[in-house]
């Protein structure tokens, strides 16, 4: 945790490759000082077939799953900074958004916990 999963149209890779985008999202998440960099995970899912408002416009949407405990203000700052970074990297992509979901510490489990 945290997990940042970016869904996007494949055509955004004309501007930047996946490795660069992953690095930029990682660095932006680190810059918020909300997470230990060793815990940050970033992935990208690209789509060839999609619809945005019944149109075929480029899009980026970041889904963040983070451990509970951050304030609403911290989560809003995280979203704002990530979206701002993506807008800078992709000024011609009209649809860029992010949402954050909290998961409970009580129900979280990973390999080292079993």
N, C-alpha and C. Protein backbone atom coordinates (compact mmCIF):
# COMPACT_ATOMS: atom_id res chain seq x y z
N UNK A 1 0.82 -1.16 0.00
CA UNK A 1 0.00 0.00 0.00
C UNK A 1 0.87 1.23 0.00
N UNK A 2 0.55 2.31 -0.54
CA UNK A 2 -0.64 2.54 -1.35
C UNK A 2 -0.48 1.97 -2.76
N UNK A 3 -1.61 1.80 -3.41
CA UNK A 3 -1.62 1.34 -4.80
C UNK A 3 -2.17 2.46 -5.68
N UNK A 4 -1.47 2.77 -6.75
CA UNK A 4 -1.92 3.74 -7.75
C UNK A 4 -2.05 2.98 -9.06
N UNK A 5 -3.28 2.83 -9.53
CA UNK A 5 -3.55 2.10 -10.77
C UNK A 5 -4.12 3.10 -11.77
N UNK A 6 -3.39 3.31 -12.84
CA UNK A 6 -3.81 4.27 -13.85
C UNK A 6 -4.44 3.55 -15.03
N UNK A 7 -5.70 3.85 -15.30
CA UNK A 7 -6.36 3.41 -16.53
C UNK A 7 -6.22 4.54 -17.53
N UNK A 8 -5.97 4.19 -18.79
CA UNK A 8 -5.78 5.23 -19.80
C UNK A 8 -6.03 4.67 -21.20
N UNK A 9 -6.21 5.59 -22.12
CA UNK A 9 -6.28 5.20 -23.53
C UNK A 9 -4.85 4.97 -24.02
N UNK A 10 -4.69 4.00 -24.92
CA UNK A 10 -3.35 3.65 -25.41
C UNK A 10 -2.65 4.81 -26.11
N UNK A 11 -3.44 5.71 -26.69
CA UNK A 11 -2.85 6.78 -27.47
C UNK A 11 -2.03 7.77 -26.65
N UNK A 12 -2.13 7.75 -25.33
CA UNK A 12 -1.32 8.68 -24.54
C UNK A 12 0.17 8.32 -24.59
N UNK A 13 0.49 7.08 -24.96
CA UNK A 13 1.89 6.66 -25.00
C UNK A 13 2.66 7.28 -26.16
N UNK A 14 1.98 8.02 -27.01
CA UNK A 14 2.65 8.79 -28.05
C UNK A 14 3.51 9.87 -27.40
N UNK A 15 3.00 10.44 -26.30
CA UNK A 15 3.71 11.51 -25.59
C UNK A 15 4.81 10.99 -24.67
N UNK A 16 4.49 9.96 -23.89
CA UNK A 16 5.43 9.41 -22.91
C UNK A 16 5.23 7.90 -22.81
N UNK A 17 6.31 7.17 -22.59
CA UNK A 17 6.17 5.72 -22.45
C UNK A 17 5.74 5.34 -21.03
N UNK A 18 5.32 4.09 -20.90
CA UNK A 18 4.78 3.61 -19.62
C UNK A 18 5.78 3.73 -18.47
N UNK A 19 7.02 3.39 -18.71
CA UNK A 19 8.02 3.45 -17.64
C UNK A 19 8.18 4.87 -17.11
N UNK A 20 8.19 5.84 -18.00
CA UNK A 20 8.31 7.24 -17.59
C UNK A 20 7.10 7.68 -16.77
N UNK A 21 5.91 7.30 -17.23
CA UNK A 21 4.68 7.68 -16.52
C UNK A 21 4.67 7.05 -15.12
N UNK A 22 5.02 5.78 -15.04
CA UNK A 22 5.07 5.10 -13.74
C UNK A 22 6.04 5.83 -12.81
N UNK A 23 7.21 6.18 -13.33
CA UNK A 23 8.19 6.90 -12.52
C UNK A 23 7.65 8.25 -12.04
N UNK A 24 6.97 8.97 -12.92
CA UNK A 24 6.44 10.28 -12.55
C UNK A 24 5.35 10.17 -11.49
N UNK A 25 4.48 9.18 -11.61
CA UNK A 25 3.44 8.98 -10.59
C UNK A 25 4.08 8.59 -9.26
N UNK A 26 5.09 7.74 -9.31
CA UNK A 26 5.81 7.35 -8.09
C UNK A 26 6.44 8.57 -7.42
N UNK A 27 7.14 9.38 -8.20
CA UNK A 27 7.80 10.56 -7.64
C UNK A 27 6.79 11.55 -7.06
N UNK A 28 5.66 11.70 -7.73
CA UNK A 28 4.64 12.62 -7.23
C UNK A 28 4.04 12.10 -5.93
N UNK A 29 3.80 10.80 -5.85
CA UNK A 29 3.30 10.21 -4.60
C UNK A 29 4.31 10.41 -3.47
N UNK A 30 5.59 10.23 -3.77
CA UNK A 30 6.64 10.47 -2.76
C UNK A 30 6.65 11.92 -2.30
N UNK A 31 6.47 12.84 -3.24
CA UNK A 31 6.54 14.27 -2.93
C UNK A 31 5.45 14.73 -1.97
N UNK A 32 4.38 13.98 -1.85
CA UNK A 32 3.31 14.36 -0.92
C UNK A 32 3.70 14.13 0.54
N UNK A 33 4.73 13.32 0.76
CA UNK A 33 5.16 12.94 2.11
C UNK A 33 4.08 12.22 2.91
N UNK A 34 3.15 11.58 2.22
CA UNK A 34 2.10 10.82 2.90
C UNK A 34 2.45 9.35 3.04
N UNK A 35 3.46 8.89 2.28
CA UNK A 35 3.76 7.47 2.21
C UNK A 35 5.25 7.21 2.30
N UNK A 36 5.60 6.04 2.77
CA UNK A 36 6.98 5.56 2.70
C UNK A 36 7.20 5.08 1.27
N UNK A 37 8.24 5.58 0.62
CA UNK A 37 8.44 5.25 -0.80
C UNK A 37 8.57 3.76 -1.05
N UNK A 38 9.00 2.98 -0.06
CA UNK A 38 9.12 1.53 -0.23
C UNK A 38 7.76 0.85 -0.34
N UNK A 39 6.71 1.55 0.07
CA UNK A 39 5.36 0.98 0.06
C UNK A 39 4.56 1.35 -1.18
N UNK A 40 5.02 2.31 -1.97
CA UNK A 40 4.25 2.83 -3.10
C UNK A 40 4.31 1.86 -4.28
N UNK A 41 3.13 1.50 -4.78
CA UNK A 41 3.03 0.62 -5.95
C UNK A 41 2.27 1.36 -7.04
N UNK A 42 2.77 1.30 -8.27
CA UNK A 42 2.16 1.99 -9.40
C UNK A 42 2.02 1.01 -10.56
N UNK A 43 0.83 1.00 -11.17
CA UNK A 43 0.57 0.14 -12.33
C UNK A 43 -0.23 0.93 -13.37
N UNK A 44 -0.14 0.47 -14.61
CA UNK A 44 -0.91 1.10 -15.69
C UNK A 44 -1.67 0.03 -16.45
N UNK A 45 -2.95 0.32 -16.71
CA UNK A 45 -3.80 -0.49 -17.59
C UNK A 45 -4.18 0.41 -18.77
N UNK A 46 -3.79 0.02 -19.97
CA UNK A 46 -4.16 0.83 -21.14
C UNK A 46 -5.24 0.12 -21.95
N UNK A 47 -6.04 0.93 -22.62
CA UNK A 47 -7.18 0.40 -23.36
C UNK A 47 -7.15 0.88 -24.80
N UNK A 48 -7.40 -0.06 -25.71
CA UNK A 48 -7.53 0.27 -27.12
C UNK A 48 -8.98 0.62 -27.45
N UNK A 49 -9.90 -0.07 -26.80
CA UNK A 49 -11.33 0.15 -27.03
C UNK A 49 -11.93 0.76 -25.78
N UNK A 50 -12.58 1.91 -25.94
CA UNK A 50 -13.16 2.62 -24.80
C UNK A 50 -14.11 3.70 -25.31
N UNK A 51 -14.87 4.27 -24.40
CA UNK A 51 -15.76 5.38 -24.71
C UNK A 51 -15.72 6.35 -23.54
N UNK A 52 -15.64 7.62 -23.84
CA UNK A 52 -15.68 8.67 -22.81
C UNK A 52 -16.80 9.62 -23.21
N UNK A 53 -17.93 9.53 -22.50
CA UNK A 53 -19.07 10.37 -22.87
C UNK A 53 -19.56 10.09 -24.27
N UNK A 54 -19.52 8.81 -24.66
CA UNK A 54 -19.93 8.36 -25.99
C UNK A 54 -19.03 8.92 -27.10
N UNK A 55 -17.81 9.31 -26.74
CA UNK A 55 -16.83 9.79 -27.71
C UNK A 55 -15.53 9.02 -27.52
N UNK A 56 -14.68 9.09 -28.49
CA UNK A 56 -13.37 8.46 -28.39
C UNK A 56 -12.33 9.56 -28.15
N UNK A 57 -12.25 10.02 -26.90
CA UNK A 57 -11.28 11.03 -26.52
C UNK A 57 -10.25 10.39 -25.58
N UNK A 58 -9.01 10.83 -25.67
CA UNK A 58 -8.00 10.30 -24.77
C UNK A 58 -8.40 10.53 -23.31
N UNK A 59 -8.00 9.60 -22.46
CA UNK A 59 -8.34 9.75 -21.04
C UNK A 59 -7.26 9.15 -20.16
N UNK A 60 -7.22 9.65 -18.93
CA UNK A 60 -6.39 9.09 -17.86
C UNK A 60 -7.23 9.14 -16.60
N UNK A 61 -7.30 8.03 -15.89
CA UNK A 61 -7.97 8.00 -14.58
C UNK A 61 -7.11 7.19 -13.63
N UNK A 62 -6.74 7.80 -12.52
CA UNK A 62 -5.93 7.13 -11.51
C UNK A 62 -6.84 6.70 -10.36
N UNK A 63 -6.77 5.42 -10.03
CA UNK A 63 -7.48 4.87 -8.88
C UNK A 63 -6.44 4.63 -7.79
N UNK A 64 -6.61 5.29 -6.66
CA UNK A 64 -5.68 5.11 -5.55
C UNK A 64 -6.37 4.36 -4.43
N UNK A 65 -5.71 3.34 -3.93
CA UNK A 65 -6.17 2.61 -2.74
C UNK A 65 -5.13 2.84 -1.66
N UNK A 66 -5.55 3.48 -0.58
CA UNK A 66 -4.61 3.81 0.48
C UNK A 66 -5.15 3.33 1.83
N UNK A 67 -4.23 3.09 2.74
CA UNK A 67 -4.61 2.67 4.09
C UNK A 67 -5.36 3.81 4.78
N UNK A 68 -6.39 3.46 5.51
CA UNK A 68 -7.17 4.44 6.25
C UNK A 68 -6.26 5.27 7.15
N UNK A 69 -6.74 6.44 7.54
CA UNK A 69 -6.01 7.27 8.48
C UNK A 69 -5.61 8.63 7.94
N UNK A 70 -5.69 8.84 6.64
CA UNK A 70 -5.38 10.16 6.08
C UNK A 70 -6.62 11.04 6.20
N UNK A 71 -6.40 12.32 6.38
CA UNK A 71 -7.53 13.26 6.47
C UNK A 71 -8.09 13.54 5.08
N UNK A 72 -9.28 14.09 5.06
CA UNK A 72 -9.89 14.49 3.78
C UNK A 72 -8.99 15.50 3.08
N UNK A 73 -8.42 16.40 3.84
CA UNK A 73 -7.53 17.42 3.26
C UNK A 73 -6.29 16.79 2.64
N UNK A 74 -5.72 15.80 3.31
CA UNK A 74 -4.55 15.11 2.76
C UNK A 74 -4.90 14.37 1.47
N UNK A 75 -6.05 13.72 1.46
CA UNK A 75 -6.46 12.99 0.26
C UNK A 75 -6.77 13.95 -0.88
N UNK A 76 -7.39 15.09 -0.57
CA UNK A 76 -7.66 16.09 -1.61
C UNK A 76 -6.36 16.64 -2.18
N UNK A 77 -5.38 16.89 -1.32
CA UNK A 77 -4.07 17.37 -1.76
C UNK A 77 -3.40 16.33 -2.66
N UNK A 78 -3.48 15.07 -2.28
CA UNK A 78 -2.91 13.99 -3.09
C UNK A 78 -3.53 13.98 -4.48
N UNK A 79 -4.85 14.01 -4.55
CA UNK A 79 -5.54 14.01 -5.85
C UNK A 79 -5.14 15.23 -6.67
N UNK A 80 -5.16 16.39 -6.03
CA UNK A 80 -4.83 17.64 -6.73
C UNK A 80 -3.42 17.59 -7.30
N UNK A 81 -2.47 17.13 -6.52
CA UNK A 81 -1.08 17.10 -6.99
C UNK A 81 -0.86 16.07 -8.09
N UNK A 82 -1.50 14.91 -7.97
CA UNK A 82 -1.35 13.88 -9.01
C UNK A 82 -1.98 14.35 -10.32
N UNK A 83 -3.19 14.89 -10.25
CA UNK A 83 -3.87 15.35 -11.46
C UNK A 83 -3.09 16.51 -12.08
N UNK A 84 -2.60 17.43 -11.25
CA UNK A 84 -1.81 18.56 -11.78
C UNK A 84 -0.58 18.06 -12.52
N UNK A 85 0.10 17.06 -11.97
CA UNK A 85 1.28 16.50 -12.63
C UNK A 85 0.90 15.88 -13.98
N UNK A 86 -0.20 15.14 -14.00
CA UNK A 86 -0.64 14.51 -15.25
C UNK A 86 -1.05 15.55 -16.29
N UNK A 87 -1.69 16.63 -15.85
CA UNK A 87 -2.07 17.71 -16.79
C UNK A 87 -0.81 18.33 -17.39
N UNK A 88 0.22 18.50 -16.58
CA UNK A 88 1.49 19.03 -17.08
C UNK A 88 2.12 18.09 -18.11
N UNK A 89 2.08 16.80 -17.81
CA UNK A 89 2.67 15.81 -18.72
C UNK A 89 1.85 15.61 -19.99
N UNK A 90 0.52 15.77 -19.87
CA UNK A 90 -0.39 15.49 -20.98
C UNK A 90 -1.35 16.66 -21.20
N UNK A 91 -0.83 17.80 -21.67
CA UNK A 91 -1.68 18.99 -21.81
C UNK A 91 -2.81 18.84 -22.83
N UNK A 92 -2.70 17.89 -23.74
CA UNK A 92 -3.74 17.71 -24.76
C UNK A 92 -4.74 16.62 -24.44
N UNK A 93 -4.61 15.97 -23.28
CA UNK A 93 -5.58 14.94 -22.88
C UNK A 93 -6.70 15.64 -22.13
N UNK A 94 -7.92 15.63 -22.69
CA UNK A 94 -9.02 16.40 -22.09
C UNK A 94 -9.63 15.78 -20.84
N UNK A 95 -9.43 14.50 -20.64
CA UNK A 95 -10.08 13.80 -19.52
C UNK A 95 -9.03 13.20 -18.60
N UNK A 96 -8.74 13.91 -17.52
CA UNK A 96 -7.78 13.44 -16.52
C UNK A 96 -8.44 13.56 -15.15
N UNK A 97 -8.48 12.45 -14.41
CA UNK A 97 -9.13 12.46 -13.10
C UNK A 97 -8.48 11.43 -12.18
N UNK A 98 -8.85 11.52 -10.90
CA UNK A 98 -8.34 10.58 -9.91
C UNK A 98 -9.36 10.45 -8.79
N UNK A 99 -9.45 9.26 -8.23
CA UNK A 99 -10.24 9.08 -7.00
C UNK A 99 -9.46 8.21 -6.03
N UNK A 100 -9.79 8.37 -4.76
CA UNK A 100 -9.07 7.68 -3.70
C UNK A 100 -10.05 6.86 -2.88
N UNK A 101 -9.68 5.61 -2.62
CA UNK A 101 -10.45 4.73 -1.75
C UNK A 101 -9.57 4.33 -0.58
N UNK A 102 -10.16 4.36 0.61
CA UNK A 102 -9.45 3.91 1.81
C UNK A 102 -9.74 2.43 2.03
N UNK A 103 -8.75 1.69 2.52
CA UNK A 103 -9.04 0.34 2.97
C UNK A 103 -8.68 0.24 4.45
N UNK A 104 -9.39 -0.66 5.13
CA UNK A 104 -9.25 -0.78 6.58
C UNK A 104 -8.02 -1.58 6.97
N UNK A 105 -7.31 -1.09 7.95
CA UNK A 105 -6.16 -1.82 8.48
C UNK A 105 -6.60 -3.17 9.04
N UNK A 106 -7.79 -3.20 9.66
CA UNK A 106 -8.28 -4.43 10.30
C UNK A 106 -8.52 -5.56 9.30
N UNK A 107 -8.84 -5.22 8.05
CA UNK A 107 -9.15 -6.26 7.06
C UNK A 107 -8.04 -6.46 6.04
N UNK A 108 -7.00 -5.66 6.10
CA UNK A 108 -5.88 -5.78 5.17
C UNK A 108 -5.00 -6.97 5.55
N UNK A 109 -4.54 -7.69 4.54
CA UNK A 109 -3.63 -8.80 4.78
C UNK A 109 -2.67 -8.91 3.60
N UNK A 110 -1.42 -9.20 3.90
CA UNK A 110 -0.46 -9.49 2.83
C UNK A 110 0.34 -10.73 3.21
N UNK A 111 1.22 -11.13 2.34
CA UNK A 111 1.96 -12.39 2.50
C UNK A 111 2.70 -12.49 3.83
N UNK A 112 3.29 -11.39 4.26
CA UNK A 112 4.07 -11.44 5.50
C UNK A 112 3.19 -11.57 6.74
N UNK A 113 1.90 -11.38 6.58
CA UNK A 113 0.98 -11.42 7.72
C UNK A 113 0.35 -12.80 7.93
N UNK A 114 0.56 -13.73 7.00
CA UNK A 114 -0.05 -15.07 7.14
C UNK A 114 0.98 -16.09 7.59
